[in-house]
């Protein structure tokens, strides 16, 4: 009865001490787990530092955007002023062209007037040529019959000659006025058109500047988006590291409890063996004091009892040893096929490695209908959350044969486990779905030999394990 109780107690110790059934049959020491915890904390510290650096970079890029936005606003005002100048110059040019049209009409009238004067002057010239010019006027004056008529004829001839001179002078003035008006309006139009060309050139430069600044703004926004995406990735990594740290803390507590239970059972077994030895010594002393005749019988009985006791002790020791041996063995790390199971039914729709110009750090398993997702091995859920890329995702931390692994289950339609929960190999943890950056219902499954990180440098091909 006592032997069966010891075996039962040892089985309880083995069950209580195993964080994951495959994980701590050959467990890491508590000091090694604490070392891993320290490493994870160090990694978290680095990630938080990187997040702060990313925030500074984002603020710097935002500052550049603010400066550029101010420059664009100033440029927009300048362009508006330029547009106003163009509008004013366009109006002036239109008005000047109207003036030119009006002047053309005036010029036409003036030209007709000049033409008529030219004809009159030509007629006078022909008359002068036929009559001898001024001599004709002299004959008119000298032909007077009396002095009164002489004065009248002289006054008339003088008036006619003055009129001719005035006509010639007016002709010259009109011609000059015509030429001046033409030059003035043409110069004004030329100046306006030069100003228009300069303003349009200025507008073209401003539009080019605006285009360049908008392109720069586009680059800055893309840079900001990239930095924010990297920051989100770092925050995800920090959260996952926090989950891994929590999983290790849990492993440490369970390992401490396991070792405490083993120590307690060992102490109880040592106490029981001491009591048995004490009993045997008392019985031997009691029997040795009896008579020699009965001593032989007693000695024979004692020898038989001692033999039975020894046999019982050996049997108990063997049972303890056997029970201890049952707890120790674990699948060898070289026996990879026994470590993880395929986490879902379905066909492999995409493999590990290069895909679409990028690196696919896992495998895809696809199937239709309601498909259960199972834990690939015993472990602790380090993170259960919704990601913009992974969709509904579950991260499980495993410690198998003294080595850390991380499995990732992504694009689930639903999750059935939460952070810090211990899961068993084959336990349902969710349903296959099409969430996040996914095209069609499938499971994206990753195995990392070590902790998950944003660069996925520990990712391996899961197909090598099943």
Protein backbone atom coordinates (compact mmCIF):
# COMPACT_ATOMS: atom_id res chain seq x y z
CA UNK A 1 0.00 0.00 0.00
CA UNK A 2 2.83 2.40 0.98
CA UNK A 3 4.69 1.58 -2.25
CA UNK A 4 1.65 2.41 -4.37
CA UNK A 5 1.17 5.69 -2.45
CA UNK A 6 4.81 6.67 -3.09
CA UNK A 7 4.45 5.88 -6.79
CA UNK A 8 1.21 7.89 -6.90
CA UNK A 9 2.84 10.85 -5.14
CA UNK A 10 5.79 10.81 -7.51
CA UNK A 11 3.37 10.78 -10.47
CA UNK A 12 1.64 13.85 -9.00
CA UNK A 13 5.02 15.56 -8.66
CA UNK A 14 5.84 14.81 -12.28
CA UNK A 15 2.42 16.13 -13.41
CA UNK A 16 2.66 19.29 -11.28
CA UNK A 17 6.25 19.96 -12.24
CA UNK A 18 5.77 19.78 -16.00
CA UNK A 19 5.07 23.23 -17.46
CA UNK A 20 4.47 21.60 -20.82
CA UNK A 21 4.39 17.80 -21.03
CA UNK A 22 7.14 17.79 -23.65
CA UNK A 23 8.81 20.84 -22.25
CA UNK A 24 10.09 20.12 -18.79
CA UNK A 25 10.56 16.38 -18.70
CA UNK A 26 14.17 17.39 -19.17
CA UNK A 27 13.68 20.92 -17.78
CA UNK A 28 15.96 23.92 -17.89
CA UNK A 29 17.17 25.00 -14.48
CA UNK A 30 15.54 27.96 -12.78
CA UNK A 31 18.74 29.97 -13.19
CA UNK A 32 18.67 29.33 -16.94
CA UNK A 33 15.03 30.42 -17.10
CA UNK A 34 15.86 33.56 -15.14
CA UNK A 35 18.72 34.21 -17.55
CA UNK A 36 16.26 33.98 -20.46
CA UNK A 37 13.89 36.29 -18.59
CA UNK A 38 16.73 38.79 -18.18
CA UNK A 39 17.58 38.54 -21.89
CA UNK A 40 13.96 39.16 -22.85
CA UNK A 41 13.82 42.17 -20.51
CA UNK A 42 17.01 43.48 -22.11
CA UNK A 43 15.44 43.02 -25.55
CA UNK A 44 12.30 44.82 -24.37
CA UNK A 45 14.44 47.70 -23.13
CA UNK A 46 16.13 47.93 -26.53
CA UNK A 47 12.77 47.82 -28.31
CA UNK A 48 11.38 50.58 -26.07
CA UNK A 49 14.49 52.64 -26.80
CA UNK A 50 13.95 52.04 -30.52
CA UNK A 51 10.31 53.08 -30.14
CA UNK A 52 11.43 56.38 -28.55
CA UNK A 53 13.92 56.90 -31.39
CA UNK A 54 11.14 56.19 -33.89
CA UNK A 55 8.88 58.72 -32.12
CA UNK A 56 11.67 61.33 -32.35
CA UNK A 57 12.10 60.58 -36.05
CA UNK A 58 8.34 60.85 -36.59
CA UNK A 59 8.28 64.20 -34.74
CA UNK A 60 11.24 65.38 -36.86
CA UNK A 61 9.45 64.39 -40.08
CA UNK A 62 6.26 66.08 -38.85
CA UNK A 63 8.28 69.23 -38.15
CA UNK A 64 9.62 69.16 -41.70
CA UNK A 65 6.07 68.72 -42.97
CA UNK A 66 4.90 71.71 -40.90
CA UNK A 67 7.72 73.89 -42.32
CA UNK A 68 6.94 72.70 -45.83
CA UNK A 69 3.22 73.34 -45.32
CA UNK A 70 4.08 76.90 -44.22
CA UNK A 71 6.22 77.34 -47.35
CA UNK A 72 3.42 75.98 -49.53
CA UNK A 73 0.93 78.35 -47.88
CA UNK A 74 3.27 81.30 -48.56
CA UNK A 75 3.78 80.08 -52.14
CA UNK A 76 0.02 79.79 -52.62
CA UNK A 77 -0.34 83.45 -51.58
CA UNK A 78 2.40 84.46 -54.01
CA UNK A 79 0.72 82.48 -56.78
CA UNK A 80 -2.58 84.17 -56.00
CA UNK A 81 -0.86 87.57 -56.22
CA UNK A 82 0.69 86.52 -59.53
CA UNK A 83 -2.73 85.46 -60.82
CA UNK A 84 -4.10 88.86 -59.79
CA UNK A 85 -1.24 90.56 -61.67
CA UNK A 86 -1.97 88.46 -64.73
CA UNK A 87 -5.66 89.36 -64.50
CA UNK A 88 -4.82 93.08 -64.20
CA UNK A 89 -2.31 92.94 -67.06
CA UNK A 90 -4.80 91.03 -69.19
CA UNK A 91 -7.37 93.75 -68.51
CA UNK A 92 -4.84 96.50 -69.33
CA UNK A 93 -3.77 94.77 -72.52
CA UNK A 94 -7.41 94.38 -73.52
CA UNK A 95 -8.03 98.08 -72.78
CA UNK A 96 -4.89 99.08 -74.69
CA UNK A 97 -6.01 96.99 -77.64
CA UNK A 98 -9.37 98.77 -77.47
CA UNK A 99 -7.49 102.08 -77.45
CA UNK A 100 -5.55 100.89 -80.46
CA UNK A 101 -8.79 100.09 -82.26
CA UNK A 102 -10.18 103.53 -81.37
CA UNK A 103 -6.92 105.12 -82.47
CA UNK A 104 -7.09 103.22 -85.74
CA UNK A 105 -10.47 104.84 -86.38
CA UNK A 106 -9.08 108.27 -85.45
CA UNK A 107 -6.08 107.63 -87.65
CA UNK A 108 -8.41 106.76 -90.49
CA UNK A 109 -10.27 110.08 -90.05
CA UNK A 110 -7.00 111.98 -89.76
CA UNK A 111 -5.58 110.21 -92.78
CA UNK A 112 -8.69 111.17 -94.78
CA UNK A 113 -8.33 114.76 -93.59
CA UNK A 114 -4.65 114.80 -94.52
CA UNK A 115 -5.49 113.28 -97.86
CA UNK A 116 -8.00 116.05 -98.56
CA UNK A 117 -5.47 118.69 -97.53
CA UNK A 118 -2.91 117.06 -99.76
CA UNK A 119 -5.34 117.32 -102.64
CA UNK A 120 -5.99 120.99 -101.84
CA UNK A 121 -2.29 121.72 -101.57
CA UNK A 122 -1.67 119.88 -104.82
CA UNK A 123 -4.36 121.99 -106.46
CA UNK A 124 -2.74 125.13 -105.13
CA UNK A 125 0.62 123.94 -106.31
CA UNK A 126 -0.75 123.30 -109.78
CA UNK A 127 -2.28 126.78 -109.73
CA UNK A 128 1.00 128.31 -108.71
CA UNK A 129 2.77 126.43 -111.43
CA UNK A 130 0.25 127.57 -114.06
CA UNK A 131 0.17 131.23 -112.96
CA UNK A 132 3.70 131.62 -111.78
CA UNK A 133 3.07 131.38 -108.05
CA UNK A 134 3.47 134.66 -106.12
CA UNK A 135 3.66 136.71 -109.37
CA UNK A 136 0.00 135.97 -109.92
CA UNK A 137 -0.86 137.45 -106.55
CA UNK A 138 1.21 140.55 -107.52
CA UNK A 139 -0.77 140.96 -110.72
CA UNK A 140 -3.97 140.74 -108.69
CA UNK A 141 -2.80 143.51 -106.36
CA UNK A 142 -1.44 145.81 -109.10
CA UNK A 143 -4.58 145.38 -111.16
CA UNK A 144 -6.60 147.43 -108.64
CA UNK A 145 -8.39 150.52 -110.14
CA UNK A 146 -7.96 152.64 -107.06
CA UNK A 147 -6.18 152.68 -103.76
CA UNK A 148 -9.15 151.32 -101.81
CA UNK A 149 -9.41 148.31 -104.10
CA UNK A 150 -5.64 147.92 -103.87
CA UNK A 151 -5.85 147.64 -100.06
CA UNK A 152 -8.70 145.17 -100.29
CA UNK A 153 -6.85 143.00 -102.84
CA UNK A 154 -3.65 143.13 -100.79
CA UNK A 155 -5.52 142.03 -97.63
CA UNK A 156 -7.22 139.20 -99.51
CA UNK A 157 -3.98 137.94 -101.01
CA UNK A 158 -2.32 138.07 -97.56
CA UNK A 159 -5.19 136.09 -96.02
CA UNK A 160 -4.98 133.44 -98.73
CA UNK A 161 -1.22 133.09 -98.30
CA UNK A 162 -1.56 132.84 -94.47
CA UNK A 163 -4.27 130.18 -94.91
CA UNK A 164 -1.97 128.18 -97.13
CA UNK A 165 0.81 128.41 -94.53
CA UNK A 166 -1.59 127.41 -91.74
CA UNK A 167 -2.81 124.49 -93.81
CA UNK A 168 0.73 123.28 -94.31
CA UNK A 169 1.59 123.75 -90.59
CA UNK A 170 -1.60 121.90 -89.55
CA UNK A 171 -0.76 119.14 -91.95
CA UNK A 172 2.66 118.77 -90.30
CA UNK A 173 1.17 118.84 -86.77
CA UNK A 174 -1.43 116.19 -87.61
CA UNK A 175 1.18 113.97 -89.16
CA UNK A 176 3.40 114.29 -86.08
CA UNK A 177 0.45 113.72 -83.73
CA UNK A 178 -0.45 110.62 -85.68
CA UNK A 179 3.08 109.27 -85.46
CA UNK A 180 3.31 110.06 -81.71
CA UNK A 181 0.02 108.31 -80.95
CA UNK A 182 1.07 105.28 -82.89
CA UNK A 183 4.43 105.09 -81.09
CA UNK A 184 2.86 105.69 -77.65
CA UNK A 185 0.21 103.01 -77.98
CA UNK A 186 2.57 100.51 -79.58
CA UNK A 187 5.13 101.10 -76.80
CA UNK A 188 2.45 100.72 -74.15
CA UNK A 189 1.27 97.45 -75.68
CA UNK A 190 4.86 96.23 -75.97
CA UNK A 191 5.53 97.07 -72.31
CA UNK A 192 2.37 95.33 -71.17
CA UNK A 193 3.18 92.24 -73.21
CA UNK A 194 6.73 92.18 -71.75
CA UNK A 195 5.28 92.45 -68.24
CA UNK A 196 2.84 89.67 -69.07
CA UNK A 197 5.69 87.44 -70.28
CA UNK A 198 7.64 88.10 -67.05
CA UNK A 199 4.61 87.41 -64.85
CA UNK A 200 3.81 84.21 -66.75
CA UNK A 201 7.43 83.11 -66.34
CA UNK A 202 7.13 83.84 -62.62
CA UNK A 203 3.91 81.82 -62.50
CA UNK A 204 5.63 78.88 -64.26
CA UNK A 205 8.46 78.99 -61.69
CA UNK A 206 5.97 79.12 -58.82
CA UNK A 207 4.06 76.15 -60.26
CA UNK A 208 7.34 74.22 -60.55
CA UNK A 209 8.20 75.11 -56.94
CA UNK A 210 4.75 73.99 -55.84
CA UNK A 211 5.14 70.72 -57.72
CA UNK A 212 8.56 70.09 -56.13
CA UNK A 213 7.29 70.96 -52.65
CA UNK A 214 4.24 68.72 -53.10
CA UNK A 215 6.52 65.86 -54.18
CA UNK A 216 8.68 66.49 -51.10
CA UNK A 217 5.56 66.53 -48.93
CA UNK A 218 4.51 63.22 -50.48
CA UNK A 219 7.93 61.73 -49.64
CA UNK A 220 7.75 63.07 -46.07
CA UNK A 221 4.28 61.58 -45.60
CA UNK A 222 5.51 58.25 -46.98
CA UNK A 223 8.48 58.42 -44.61
CA UNK A 224 6.15 59.20 -41.71
CA UNK A 225 3.89 56.30 -42.69
CA UNK A 226 6.91 53.98 -42.86
CA UNK A 227 8.19 55.15 -39.45
CA UNK A 228 4.74 54.77 -37.91
CA UNK A 229 4.46 51.27 -39.38
CA UNK A 230 7.89 50.42 -37.94
CA UNK A 231 6.81 51.89 -34.60
CA UNK A 232 3.65 49.75 -34.63
CA UNK A 233 5.83 46.73 -35.38
CA UNK A 234 8.14 47.63 -32.48
CA UNK A 235 5.14 48.06 -30.17
CA UNK A 236 3.90 44.65 -31.29
CA UNK A 237 7.33 43.19 -30.61
CA UNK A 238 7.39 44.86 -27.17
CA UNK A 239 3.96 43.39 -26.36
CA UNK A 240 5.02 39.94 -27.58
CA UNK A 241 8.23 40.14 -25.52
CA UNK A 242 6.11 41.09 -22.51
CA UNK A 243 3.99 37.99 -23.16
CA UNK A 244 7.11 35.84 -23.46
CA UNK A 245 8.44 37.28 -20.20
CA UNK A 246 5.14 36.44 -18.50
CA UNK A 247 5.34 32.90 -19.92
CA UNK A 248 8.87 32.49 -18.49
CA UNK A 249 7.75 33.84 -15.11
CA UNK A 250 5.03 31.23 -15.12
CA UNK A 251 7.57 28.57 -16.09
CA UNK A 252 9.84 29.64 -13.23
CA UNK A 253 6.99 29.46 -10.69
CA UNK A 254 5.89 26.03 -11.93
CA UNK A 255 9.48 24.77 -11.95
CA UNK A 256 9.99 26.08 -8.42
CA UNK A 257 6.76 24.36 -7.35
CA UNK A 258 7.89 21.17 -9.09
CA UNK A 259 11.26 21.20 -7.38
CA UNK A 260 9.66 22.02 -4.02
CA UNK A 261 7.27 19.11 -4.41
CA UNK A 262 10.12 16.79 -5.38
CA UNK A 263 12.09 17.96 -2.32
CA UNK A 264 9.04 17.44 -0.12
CA UNK A 265 8.50 13.90 -1.44
CA UNK A 266 12.20 13.15 -1.07
CA UNK A 267 12.18 14.32 2.55
CA UNK A 268 9.07 12.22 3.25
CA UNK A 269 10.70 9.16 1.67
CA UNK A 270 13.91 9.68 3.65
CA UNK A 271 11.86 10.01 6.86
CA UNK A 272 9.96 6.79 6.06
CA UNK A 273 13.21 4.91 5.35
CA UNK A 274 14.66 6.19 8.65
CA UNK A 275 11.59 4.99 10.55
CA UNK A 276 11.85 1.58 8.87
CA UNK A 277 15.54 1.34 9.81
CA UNK A 278 14.75 2.34 13.37
CA UNK A 279 12.01 -0.30 13.51
CA UNK A 280 14.36 -2.96 12.19
CA UNK A 281 17.04 -2.01 14.76
CA UNK A 282 14.52 -2.18 17.66
CA UNK A 283 13.23 -5.55 16.53
CA UNK A 284 16.79 -6.90 16.21
CA UNK A 285 17.71 -5.69 19.72
CA UNK A 286 14.56 -7.23 21.22
CA UNK A 287 15.14 -10.61 19.63
CA UNK A 288 18.84 -10.77 20.58
CA UNK A 289 17.95 -10.68 24.32
CA UNK A 290 15.92 -13.92 24.23
CA UNK A 291 17.29 -17.41 24.98
CA UNK A 292 19.70 -19.14 22.61
CA UNK A 293 17.16 -21.84 21.76
CA UNK A 294 14.47 -19.38 21.01
CA UNK A 295 17.21 -17.07 19.74
CA UNK A 296 17.82 -19.46 16.86
CA UNK A 297 14.14 -19.51 16.04
CA UNK A 298 13.98 -15.78 16.55
CA UNK A 299 17.14 -15.27 14.56
CA UNK A 300 15.71 -17.43 11.79
CA UNK A 301 12.51 -15.41 11.90
CA UNK A 302 14.47 -12.20 12.11
CA UNK A 303 16.58 -13.28 9.16
CA UNK A 304 13.44 -14.03 7.22
CA UNK A 305 11.90 -10.71 8.26
CA UNK A 306 15.10 -8.92 7.44
CA UNK A 307 15.14 -10.57 4.04
CA UNK A 308 11.52 -9.57 3.48
CA UNK A 309 12.22 -6.05 4.72
CA UNK A 310 15.24 -5.78 2.45
CA UNK A 311 13.21 -7.09 -0.44
CA UNK A 312 10.45 -4.61 0.40
CA UNK A 313 12.98 -1.78 0.65
CA UNK A 314 14.61 -2.75 -2.64
CA UNK A 315 11.18 -3.04 -4.25
CA UNK A 316 10.22 0.40 -2.89
CA UNK A 317 13.52 1.86 -4.03
CA UNK A 318 13.08 0.23 -7.42
CA UNK A 319 9.54 1.60 -7.64
CA UNK A 320 10.79 5.10 -6.76
CA UNK A 321 13.59 4.80 -9.27
CA UNK A 322 11.20 3.54 -11.92
CA UNK A 323 8.76 6.37 -11.20
CA UNK A 324 11.57 8.91 -11.38
CA UNK A 325 12.77 7.41 -14.69
CA UNK A 326 9.23 7.75 -16.13
CA UNK A 327 9.28 11.53 -15.49
CA UNK A 328 12.71 12.17 -16.99
CA UNK A 329 12.68 11.00 -20.65
CA UNK A 330 11.44 13.44 -23.32
CA UNK A 331 11.44 13.42 -27.09
CA UNK A 332 14.92 14.10 -28.39
CA UNK A 333 15.41 17.45 -30.11
CA UNK A 334 16.69 15.46 -33.09
CA UNK A 335 13.38 13.63 -33.32
CA UNK A 336 11.78 16.71 -34.86
CA UNK A 337 8.75 14.85 -36.18
CA UNK A 338 7.47 14.29 -32.66
CA UNK A 339 7.78 17.87 -31.35
CA UNK A 340 5.01 19.65 -33.25
CA UNK A 341 1.82 18.51 -34.92
CA UNK A 342 0.11 19.97 -37.98
CA UNK A 343 -2.12 22.66 -36.45
CA UNK A 344 -5.06 22.39 -38.86
CA UNK A 345 -6.65 20.13 -41.44
CA UNK A 346 -6.29 21.25 -45.07
CA UNK A 347 -3.80 21.45 -47.90
CA UNK A 348 -0.57 23.48 -48.00
CA UNK A 349 -1.48 26.46 -50.19
CA UNK A 350 1.81 28.33 -49.80
CA UNK A 351 5.26 27.33 -48.65
CA UNK A 352 8.10 28.84 -46.66
CA UNK A 353 10.55 31.22 -48.38
CA UNK A 354 10.42 33.67 -51.26
CA UNK A 355 6.97 34.71 -52.48
CA UNK A 356 5.79 37.69 -54.57
CA UNK A 357 9.14 39.43 -54.22
CA UNK A 358 9.16 39.16 -50.40
CA UNK A 359 10.01 36.49 -47.82
CA UNK A 360 7.15 34.31 -46.58
CA UNK A 361 8.22 33.35 -43.04
CA UNK A 362 5.70 30.58 -42.56
CA UNK A 363 3.38 28.20 -44.38
CA UNK A 364 -0.29 28.52 -45.32
CA UNK A 365 -2.83 25.76 -44.72
CA UNK A 366 -6.15 26.25 -46.52
CA UNK A 367 -9.53 24.56 -46.18
CA UNK A 368 -13.19 25.50 -46.51
CA UNK A 369 -15.92 25.43 -43.90
CA UNK A 370 -15.46 25.61 -40.14
CA UNK A 371 -11.90 24.42 -39.50
CA UNK A 372 -10.45 24.05 -36.00
CA UNK A 373 -6.97 25.40 -35.22
CA UNK A 374 -5.01 23.35 -32.63
CA UNK A 375 -1.93 24.13 -30.55
CA UNK A 376 1.02 22.48 -32.29
CA UNK A 377 2.63 21.62 -28.92
CA UNK A 378 2.20 22.20 -25.19
CA UNK A 379 2.93 25.78 -24.20
CA UNK A 380 1.81 29.10 -22.77
CA UNK A 381 -0.08 31.72 -24.80
CA UNK A 382 2.27 34.71 -24.86
CA UNK A 383 -0.14 36.83 -26.93
CA UNK A 384 -3.69 36.59 -28.24
CA UNK A 385 -4.75 39.74 -30.11
CA UNK A 386 -5.88 41.36 -33.37
CA UNK A 387 -3.15 42.68 -35.67
CA UNK A 388 -3.58 44.81 -38.80
CA UNK A 389 -1.36 42.37 -40.71
CA UNK A 390 -1.89 39.01 -38.93
CA UNK A 391 -5.58 39.61 -38.22
CA UNK A 392 -6.72 37.48 -35.28
CA UNK A 393 -3.43 35.99 -34.11
CA UNK A 394 -2.14 33.74 -31.32
CA UNK A 395 1.49 33.41 -30.20
CA UNK A 396 2.44 30.40 -28.06
CA UNK A 397 5.77 30.05 -26.22
CA UNK A 398 7.13 26.49 -25.85
CA UNK A 399 10.07 25.08 -23.85
CA UNK A 400 10.89 21.70 -25.29
CA UNK A 401 13.99 19.69 -24.34
CA UNK A 402 15.59 22.77 -22.82
CA UNK A 403 15.00 24.88 -25.94
CA UNK A 404 12.60 27.77 -26.51
CA UNK A 405 10.23 27.84 -29.50
CA UNK A 406 7.47 30.22 -30.56
CA UNK A 407 4.54 29.27 -32.79
CA UNK A 408 2.30 31.81 -34.53
CA UNK A 409 -1.25 31.19 -35.78
CA UNK A 410 -2.63 34.03 -37.95
CA UNK A 411 -5.76 35.15 -39.91
CA UNK A 412 -8.12 33.30 -37.53
CA UNK A 413 -11.83 34.04 -37.62
CA UNK A 414 -11.95 33.72 -33.82
CA UNK A 415 -9.64 33.06 -30.86
CA UNK A 416 -10.46 30.74 -27.96
CA UNK A 417 -7.46 31.35 -25.67
CA UNK A 418 -6.11 34.40 -23.84
CA UNK A 419 -2.74 35.75 -22.72
CA UNK A 420 -0.95 33.62 -20.10
CA UNK A 421 -3.16 30.56 -20.66
CA UNK A 422 -1.47 27.14 -20.62
CA UNK A 423 -2.47 24.96 -23.58
CA UNK A 424 -1.96 21.30 -24.47
CA UNK A 425 -0.81 19.84 -27.76
CA UNK A 426 -3.88 19.31 -29.97
CA UNK A 427 -6.09 21.65 -27.90
CA UNK A 428 -8.40 23.83 -30.01
CA UNK A 429 -7.34 27.48 -29.80
CA UNK A 430 -9.42 29.05 -32.61
CA UNK A 431 -11.06 28.73 -36.01
CA UNK A 432 -9.53 29.23 -39.46
CA UNK A 433 -10.45 32.56 -41.05
CA UNK A 434 -9.60 35.37 -43.44
CA UNK A 435 -8.75 38.37 -41.21
CA UNK A 436 -5.93 40.91 -41.57
CA UNK A 437 -3.88 41.01 -44.77
CA UNK A 438 -5.32 37.77 -46.09
CA UNK A 439 -6.73 36.55 -49.40
CA UNK A 440 -9.12 33.68 -48.80
CA UNK A 441 -9.66 31.47 -45.77
CA UNK A 442 -6.44 29.86 -44.52
CA UNK A 443 -4.10 29.55 -41.54
CA UNK A 444 -0.72 31.27 -41.69
CA UNK A 445 1.53 29.23 -39.38
CA UNK A 446 5.06 30.07 -38.22
CA UNK A 447 7.65 28.29 -36.06
CA UNK A 448 10.51 30.28 -34.55
CA UNK A 449 13.44 28.48 -32.94
CA UNK A 450 13.70 31.00 -30.12
CA UNK A 451 11.62 34.10 -29.45
CA UNK A 452 9.64 35.89 -32.17
CA UNK A 453 11.15 39.19 -33.29
CA UNK A 454 10.11 41.87 -35.77
CA UNK A 455 12.75 40.76 -38.30
CA UNK A 456 11.63 37.12 -37.92
CA UNK A 457 15.26 36.05 -37.92
CA UNK A 458 14.44 32.88 -35.92
CA UNK A 459 11.76 31.66 -38.35
CA UNK A 460 12.23 28.15 -39.78
CA UNK A 461 10.23 26.03 -42.20
CA UNK A 462 7.48 24.36 -40.12
CA UNK A 463 7.31 21.43 -42.59
CA UNK A 464 10.51 20.00 -41.12
CA UNK A 465 8.62 19.24 -37.89
CA UNK A 466 5.64 17.28 -39.32
